[in-house]
């Protein structure tokens, strides 16, 4: 029982809480005053090593900022003179051409116009438009 009496907490009084809040406000004001009086920290640039110019440092930073987009899907579209639309889908350096057009319909052969069909890609100089 004696040990419990040692650790018994007193209920905070209104006067104690008000004093604590006043102390916090004064600490914040003192901190602001000290920061306002202090000079701003100068940003240190790393010193150039022997044989390195500012242009070399720029090139190194530019190379580090390169984002590899080789795995990004790119879709280009080609419309031929007879109305056939071909899409070239490039992903990871590999291109496939598909069409879902039924302009060249051949009677007697069922075409499912809702499905894309693989076709031979026209040449790169054919007039592709990025979609």
N, C-alpha and C. Protein backbone atom coordinates (compact mmCIF):
# COMPACT_ATOMS: atom_id res chain seq x y z
N UNK A 1 0.80 -1.19 0.00
CA UNK A 1 0.00 0.00 0.00
C UNK A 1 0.85 1.26 0.00
N UNK A 2 1.98 1.20 0.69
CA UNK A 2 2.84 2.37 0.77
C UNK A 2 3.41 2.70 -0.61
N UNK A 3 3.69 1.66 -1.44
CA UNK A 3 4.22 1.89 -2.77
C UNK A 3 3.18 2.57 -3.65
N UNK A 4 1.92 2.19 -3.48
CA UNK A 4 0.86 2.81 -4.28
C UNK A 4 0.68 4.28 -3.90
N UNK A 5 0.86 4.60 -2.66
CA UNK A 5 0.70 5.97 -2.20
C UNK A 5 1.79 6.86 -2.78
N UNK A 6 2.99 6.29 -3.02
CA UNK A 6 4.10 7.06 -3.59
C UNK A 6 3.79 7.48 -5.02
N UNK A 7 3.14 6.59 -5.78
CA UNK A 7 2.90 6.84 -7.19
C UNK A 7 1.53 7.46 -7.46
N UNK A 8 0.80 7.80 -6.46
CA UNK A 8 -0.52 8.39 -6.65
C UNK A 8 -0.36 9.75 -7.32
N UNK A 9 -1.14 9.98 -8.34
CA UNK A 9 -1.09 11.24 -9.09
C UNK A 9 -2.14 12.20 -8.53
N UNK A 10 -1.76 13.44 -8.43
CA UNK A 10 -2.71 14.45 -8.02
C UNK A 10 -3.47 14.92 -9.26
N UNK A 11 -4.69 15.29 -9.11
CA UNK A 11 -5.48 15.84 -10.21
C UNK A 11 -4.93 17.24 -10.53
N UNK A 12 -4.75 17.54 -11.82
CA UNK A 12 -4.25 18.86 -12.17
C UNK A 12 -5.28 19.94 -11.82
N UNK A 13 -4.79 21.02 -11.34
CA UNK A 13 -5.68 22.13 -10.99
C UNK A 13 -5.78 23.08 -12.16
N UNK A 14 -6.77 23.92 -12.15
CA UNK A 14 -6.96 24.90 -13.22
C UNK A 14 -5.80 25.86 -13.27
N UNK A 15 -5.27 26.21 -12.10
CA UNK A 15 -4.13 27.12 -12.04
C UNK A 15 -2.89 26.48 -12.65
N UNK A 16 -2.69 25.17 -12.41
CA UNK A 16 -1.54 24.46 -12.96
C UNK A 16 -1.63 24.33 -14.47
N UNK A 17 -2.82 24.05 -15.00
CA UNK A 17 -3.02 23.92 -16.44
C UNK A 17 -2.81 25.27 -17.12
N UNK A 18 -3.33 26.33 -16.52
CA UNK A 18 -3.15 27.67 -17.09
C UNK A 18 -1.68 28.06 -17.11
N UNK A 19 -0.95 27.72 -16.05
CA UNK A 19 0.48 28.01 -16.00
C UNK A 19 1.24 27.26 -17.07
N UNK A 20 0.86 26.00 -17.31
CA UNK A 20 1.50 25.19 -18.35
C UNK A 20 1.25 25.78 -19.73
N UNK A 21 0.03 26.19 -20.01
CA UNK A 21 -0.30 26.79 -21.30
C UNK A 21 0.47 28.10 -21.51
N UNK A 22 0.60 28.91 -20.46
CA UNK A 22 1.35 30.17 -20.54
C UNK A 22 2.82 29.89 -20.84
N UNK A 23 3.38 28.87 -20.20
CA UNK A 23 4.78 28.50 -20.43
C UNK A 23 5.00 28.06 -21.88
N UNK A 24 4.04 27.31 -22.46
CA UNK A 24 4.15 26.88 -23.86
C UNK A 24 4.14 28.08 -24.80
N UNK A 25 3.23 29.03 -24.56
CA UNK A 25 3.16 30.22 -25.40
C UNK A 25 4.46 31.01 -25.35
N UNK A 26 5.03 31.16 -24.17
CA UNK A 26 6.28 31.90 -24.02
C UNK A 26 7.43 31.19 -24.73
N UNK A 27 7.44 29.86 -24.67
CA UNK A 27 8.49 29.10 -25.34
C UNK A 27 8.39 29.26 -26.86
N UNK A 28 7.18 29.27 -27.39
CA UNK A 28 6.99 29.44 -28.83
C UNK A 28 7.45 30.83 -29.25
N UNK A 29 7.09 31.86 -28.48
CA UNK A 29 7.51 33.23 -28.80
C UNK A 29 9.03 33.36 -28.75
N UNK A 30 9.66 32.76 -27.75
CA UNK A 30 11.11 32.83 -27.63
C UNK A 30 11.79 32.12 -28.80
N UNK A 31 11.23 30.99 -29.23
CA UNK A 31 11.79 30.25 -30.36
C UNK A 31 11.69 31.08 -31.64
N UNK A 32 10.55 31.72 -31.87
CA UNK A 32 10.39 32.56 -33.06
C UNK A 32 11.37 33.72 -33.05
N UNK A 33 11.56 34.33 -31.90
CA UNK A 33 12.49 35.46 -31.79
C UNK A 33 13.92 35.01 -32.09
N UNK A 34 14.32 33.85 -31.58
CA UNK A 34 15.67 33.35 -31.82
C UNK A 34 15.87 33.01 -33.29
N UNK A 35 14.87 32.40 -33.93
CA UNK A 35 15.00 32.05 -35.35
C UNK A 35 15.02 33.29 -36.23
N UNK A 36 14.26 34.31 -35.87
CA UNK A 36 14.24 35.54 -36.67
C UNK A 36 15.59 36.26 -36.60
N UNK A 37 16.25 36.19 -35.47
CA UNK A 37 17.53 36.87 -35.30
C UNK A 37 18.68 36.11 -35.96
N UNK A 38 18.53 34.81 -36.12
CA UNK A 38 19.62 33.99 -36.68
C UNK A 38 19.69 34.21 -38.19
N UNK A 39 20.90 34.23 -38.77
CA UNK A 39 21.02 34.37 -40.22
C UNK A 39 20.55 33.08 -40.90
N UNK A 40 20.01 33.19 -42.13
CA UNK A 40 19.56 31.97 -42.83
C UNK A 40 20.75 31.08 -43.15
N UNK A 41 20.49 29.78 -43.11
CA UNK A 41 21.56 28.83 -43.41
C UNK A 41 21.90 28.90 -44.89
N UNK A 42 23.17 28.98 -45.20
CA UNK A 42 23.62 29.02 -46.58
C UNK A 42 23.67 27.59 -47.12
N UNK A 43 23.15 27.42 -48.31
CA UNK A 43 23.16 26.10 -48.93
C UNK A 43 24.55 25.86 -49.51
N UNK A 44 25.19 24.80 -49.07
CA UNK A 44 26.55 24.53 -49.52
C UNK A 44 26.53 23.68 -50.78
N UNK A 45 27.22 24.15 -51.79
CA UNK A 45 27.39 23.39 -53.01
C UNK A 45 28.63 22.51 -52.84
N UNK A 46 28.57 21.28 -53.29
CA UNK A 46 29.77 20.45 -53.16
C UNK A 46 30.91 21.02 -54.01
N UNK A 47 32.08 20.98 -53.46
CA UNK A 47 33.25 21.52 -54.17
C UNK A 47 33.56 20.67 -55.38
N UNK A 48 34.03 21.33 -56.42
CA UNK A 48 34.40 20.59 -57.62
C UNK A 48 35.68 19.82 -57.37
N UNK A 49 35.68 18.57 -57.79
CA UNK A 49 36.89 17.78 -57.63
C UNK A 49 37.86 18.14 -58.76
N UNK A 50 39.08 17.68 -58.63
CA UNK A 50 40.11 18.00 -59.62
C UNK A 50 39.69 17.46 -60.98
N UNK A 51 39.72 18.30 -61.98
CA UNK A 51 39.41 17.87 -63.34
C UNK A 51 37.91 17.85 -63.64
N UNK A 52 37.08 18.31 -62.73
CA UNK A 52 35.64 18.31 -62.97
C UNK A 52 35.16 19.75 -63.12
N UNK A 53 34.45 20.00 -64.19
CA UNK A 53 33.93 21.35 -64.41
C UNK A 53 32.45 21.39 -64.04
N UNK A 54 31.90 22.57 -64.03
CA UNK A 54 30.47 22.72 -63.74
C UNK A 54 29.64 22.01 -64.80
N UNK A 55 30.10 22.01 -66.06
CA UNK A 55 29.39 21.33 -67.13
C UNK A 55 29.40 19.82 -66.91
N UNK A 56 30.52 19.28 -66.45
CA UNK A 56 30.58 17.85 -66.14
C UNK A 56 29.59 17.49 -65.04
N UNK A 57 29.52 18.35 -64.02
CA UNK A 57 28.58 18.09 -62.93
C UNK A 57 27.14 18.16 -63.43
N UNK A 58 26.85 19.11 -64.34
CA UNK A 58 25.52 19.20 -64.93
C UNK A 58 25.18 17.95 -65.72
N UNK A 59 26.12 17.49 -66.55
CA UNK A 59 25.89 16.28 -67.34
C UNK A 59 25.64 15.07 -66.46
N UNK A 60 26.37 14.96 -65.37
CA UNK A 60 26.18 13.85 -64.44
C UNK A 60 24.78 13.89 -63.83
N UNK A 61 24.33 15.08 -63.45
CA UNK A 61 22.99 15.22 -62.87
C UNK A 61 21.91 14.94 -63.91
N UNK A 62 22.12 15.36 -65.15
CA UNK A 62 21.15 15.12 -66.21
C UNK A 62 21.05 13.63 -66.52
N UNK A 63 22.16 12.92 -66.53
CA UNK A 63 22.14 11.48 -66.76
C UNK A 63 21.42 10.75 -65.63
N UNK A 64 21.60 11.23 -64.42
CA UNK A 64 20.93 10.59 -63.28
C UNK A 64 19.43 10.83 -63.31
N UNK A 65 18.98 11.90 -63.99
CA UNK A 65 17.56 12.22 -64.05
C UNK A 65 16.85 11.50 -65.18
N UNK A 66 17.55 10.75 -66.01
CA UNK A 66 16.94 10.05 -67.14
C UNK A 66 15.94 9.02 -66.65
N UNK A 67 14.76 9.02 -67.26
CA UNK A 67 13.71 8.05 -66.93
C UNK A 67 13.57 7.09 -68.10
N UNK A 68 13.78 5.83 -67.86
CA UNK A 68 13.69 4.82 -68.90
C UNK A 68 12.22 4.55 -69.21
N UNK A 69 11.82 4.87 -70.41
CA UNK A 69 10.43 4.67 -70.81
C UNK A 69 10.31 3.54 -71.84
N UNK A 70 11.26 2.65 -71.88
CA UNK A 70 11.23 1.58 -72.87
C UNK A 70 10.10 0.59 -72.63
N UNK A 71 9.59 0.52 -71.42
CA UNK A 71 8.48 -0.40 -71.14
C UNK A 71 7.12 0.29 -71.15
N UNK A 72 7.08 1.52 -71.66
CA UNK A 72 5.83 2.25 -71.75
C UNK A 72 5.12 1.86 -73.04
N UNK A 73 3.82 1.67 -72.96
CA UNK A 73 3.03 1.30 -74.13
C UNK A 73 2.75 2.54 -74.95
N UNK A 74 3.08 2.48 -76.25
CA UNK A 74 2.85 3.60 -77.17
C UNK A 74 1.96 3.10 -78.30
N UNK A 75 0.92 3.87 -78.60
CA UNK A 75 0.00 3.49 -79.68
C UNK A 75 0.06 4.56 -80.76
N UNK A 76 0.36 4.12 -82.00
CA UNK A 76 0.35 4.99 -83.17
C UNK A 76 -0.76 4.49 -84.09
N UNK A 77 -1.34 5.42 -84.87
CA UNK A 77 -2.45 5.05 -85.74
C UNK A 77 -2.13 5.43 -87.18
N UNK A 78 -2.55 4.55 -88.11
CA UNK A 78 -2.35 4.79 -89.54
C UNK A 78 -3.70 4.57 -90.22
N UNK A 79 -4.11 5.50 -91.05
CA UNK A 79 -5.35 5.35 -91.82
C UNK A 79 -4.98 5.34 -93.30
N UNK A 80 -5.30 4.23 -93.96
CA UNK A 80 -4.96 4.11 -95.38
C UNK A 80 -5.97 4.87 -96.22
N UNK A 81 -5.68 4.98 -97.53
CA UNK A 81 -6.56 5.74 -98.42
C UNK A 81 -7.92 5.08 -98.59
N UNK A 82 -8.00 3.76 -98.38
CA UNK A 82 -9.30 3.08 -98.52
C UNK A 82 -10.06 3.01 -97.19
N UNK A 83 -9.58 3.68 -96.14
CA UNK A 83 -10.32 3.78 -94.89
C UNK A 83 -9.95 2.78 -93.81
N UNK A 84 -9.00 1.91 -94.08
CA UNK A 84 -8.59 0.92 -93.09
C UNK A 84 -7.73 1.60 -92.03
N UNK A 85 -8.08 1.35 -90.76
CA UNK A 85 -7.34 1.93 -89.65
C UNK A 85 -6.48 0.84 -89.03
N UNK A 86 -5.18 1.08 -88.95
CA UNK A 86 -4.23 0.14 -88.36
C UNK A 86 -3.58 0.83 -87.18
N UNK A 87 -3.52 0.13 -86.07
CA UNK A 87 -2.85 0.67 -84.88
C UNK A 87 -1.57 -0.11 -84.63
N UNK A 88 -0.48 0.63 -84.42
CA UNK A 88 0.80 0.01 -84.08
C UNK A 88 1.00 0.19 -82.58
N UNK A 89 1.07 -0.92 -81.86
CA UNK A 89 1.24 -0.90 -80.41
C UNK A 89 2.67 -1.31 -80.11
N UNK A 90 3.43 -0.41 -79.50
CA UNK A 90 4.83 -0.66 -79.17
C UNK A 90 4.95 -0.75 -77.67
N UNK A 91 5.54 -1.84 -77.21
CA UNK A 91 5.73 -2.06 -75.77
C UNK A 91 7.05 -2.79 -75.58
N UNK A 92 7.93 -2.20 -74.81
CA UNK A 92 9.22 -2.84 -74.52
C UNK A 92 10.07 -3.04 -75.75
N UNK A 93 9.96 -2.15 -76.74
CA UNK A 93 10.79 -2.25 -77.93
C UNK A 93 10.23 -3.17 -79.00
N UNK A 94 9.09 -3.81 -78.76
CA UNK A 94 8.48 -4.72 -79.72
C UNK A 94 7.18 -4.10 -80.22
N UNK A 95 6.96 -4.13 -81.55
CA UNK A 95 5.76 -3.54 -82.13
C UNK A 95 4.88 -4.60 -82.76
N UNK A 96 3.58 -4.44 -82.58
CA UNK A 96 2.57 -5.29 -83.22
C UNK A 96 1.55 -4.38 -83.86
N UNK A 97 1.05 -4.75 -85.03
CA UNK A 97 0.02 -3.96 -85.71
C UNK A 97 -1.28 -4.74 -85.72
N UNK A 98 -2.36 -4.04 -85.40
CA UNK A 98 -3.69 -4.68 -85.36
C UNK A 98 -4.68 -3.77 -86.07
N UNK A 99 -5.75 -4.39 -86.56
CA UNK A 99 -6.85 -3.63 -87.15
C UNK A 99 -8.15 -4.27 -86.71
N UNK A 100 -9.17 -3.46 -86.55
CA UNK A 100 -10.49 -3.99 -86.23
C UNK A 100 -11.47 -3.52 -87.29
N UNK A 101 -10.95 -3.00 -88.38
CA UNK A 101 -11.77 -2.46 -89.45
C UNK A 101 -12.33 -3.58 -90.31
N UNK A 102 -13.55 -3.41 -90.79
CA UNK A 102 -14.17 -4.39 -91.69
C UNK A 102 -14.42 -3.77 -93.06
N UNK A 103 -13.58 -2.80 -93.44
CA UNK A 103 -13.75 -2.13 -94.73
C UNK A 103 -13.55 -3.12 -95.87
N UNK A 104 -12.55 -3.97 -95.75
CA UNK A 104 -12.26 -4.96 -96.80
C UNK A 104 -13.03 -6.25 -96.53
N UNK A 105 -14.34 -6.16 -96.44
CA UNK A 105 -15.18 -7.32 -96.14
C UNK A 105 -15.24 -8.24 -97.36
N UNK A 106 -15.00 -9.52 -97.13
CA UNK A 106 -15.08 -10.51 -98.19
C UNK A 106 -16.33 -11.35 -97.92
N UNK A 107 -17.31 -11.37 -98.85
CA UNK A 107 -18.53 -12.16 -98.62
C UNK A 107 -18.20 -13.63 -98.44
N UNK A 108 -18.92 -14.27 -97.56
CA UNK A 108 -18.72 -15.70 -97.32
C UNK A 108 -17.74 -15.96 -96.18
N UNK A 109 -17.00 -14.97 -95.75
CA UNK A 109 -16.06 -15.14 -94.64
C UNK A 109 -16.58 -14.32 -93.47
N UNK A 110 -16.75 -14.96 -92.34
CA UNK A 110 -17.26 -14.26 -91.18
C UNK A 110 -16.15 -13.44 -90.54
N UNK A 111 -16.42 -12.19 -90.32
CA UNK A 111 -15.48 -11.30 -89.65
C UNK A 111 -16.10 -10.84 -88.34
N UNK A 112 -15.37 -10.94 -87.26
CA UNK A 112 -15.83 -10.42 -85.98
C UNK A 112 -15.20 -9.05 -85.82
N UNK A 113 -15.98 -7.99 -86.06
CA UNK A 113 -15.42 -6.65 -86.05
C UNK A 113 -15.10 -6.16 -84.64
N UNK A 114 -15.55 -6.91 -83.61
CA UNK A 114 -15.27 -6.48 -82.24
C UNK A 114 -13.88 -6.93 -81.78
N UNK A 115 -13.24 -7.80 -82.54
CA UNK A 115 -11.91 -8.29 -82.16
C UNK A 115 -10.87 -7.73 -83.10
N UNK A 116 -9.76 -7.36 -82.54
CA UNK A 116 -8.66 -6.86 -83.35
C UNK A 116 -7.94 -8.03 -84.00
N UNK A 117 -7.51 -7.83 -85.24
CA UNK A 117 -6.75 -8.85 -85.96
C UNK A 117 -5.34 -8.35 -86.19
N UNK A 118 -4.36 -9.24 -86.05
CA UNK A 118 -2.97 -8.87 -86.33
C UNK A 118 -2.80 -8.75 -87.84
N UNK A 119 -2.09 -7.70 -88.23
CA UNK A 119 -1.81 -7.47 -89.64
C UNK A 119 -0.34 -7.10 -89.78
N UNK A 120 0.12 -7.07 -91.01
CA UNK A 120 1.49 -6.65 -91.29
C UNK A 120 1.56 -5.13 -91.16
N UNK A 121 2.59 -4.65 -90.50
CA UNK A 121 2.75 -3.22 -90.28
C UNK A 121 3.17 -2.51 -91.55
N UNK A 122 2.54 -1.36 -91.86
CA UNK A 122 3.03 -0.53 -92.96
C UNK A 122 4.39 0.05 -92.58
N UNK A 123 5.13 0.55 -93.57
CA UNK A 123 6.46 1.11 -93.27
C UNK A 123 6.35 2.32 -92.33
N UNK A 124 7.46 2.63 -91.68
CA UNK A 124 7.49 3.73 -90.71
C UNK A 124 7.23 5.07 -91.38
N UNK A 125 7.49 5.18 -92.68
CA UNK A 125 7.30 6.45 -93.39
C UNK A 125 5.89 6.58 -93.96
N UNK A 126 4.96 5.71 -93.54
CA UNK A 126 3.62 5.69 -94.13
C UNK A 126 2.72 6.82 -93.63
N UNK A 127 3.09 7.49 -92.57
CA UNK A 127 2.25 8.58 -92.06
C UNK A 127 1.55 8.22 -90.77
N UNK A 128 2.28 7.67 -89.83
CA UNK A 128 1.72 7.29 -88.54
C UNK A 128 1.42 8.54 -87.71
N UNK A 129 0.36 8.49 -86.92
CA UNK A 129 -0.03 9.58 -86.05
C UNK A 129 -0.09 9.03 -84.64
N UNK A 130 0.60 9.70 -83.70
CA UNK A 130 0.60 9.26 -82.29
C UNK A 130 -0.80 9.45 -81.72
N UNK A 131 -1.31 8.43 -81.07
CA UNK A 131 -2.66 8.49 -80.51
C UNK A 131 -2.65 9.05 -79.13
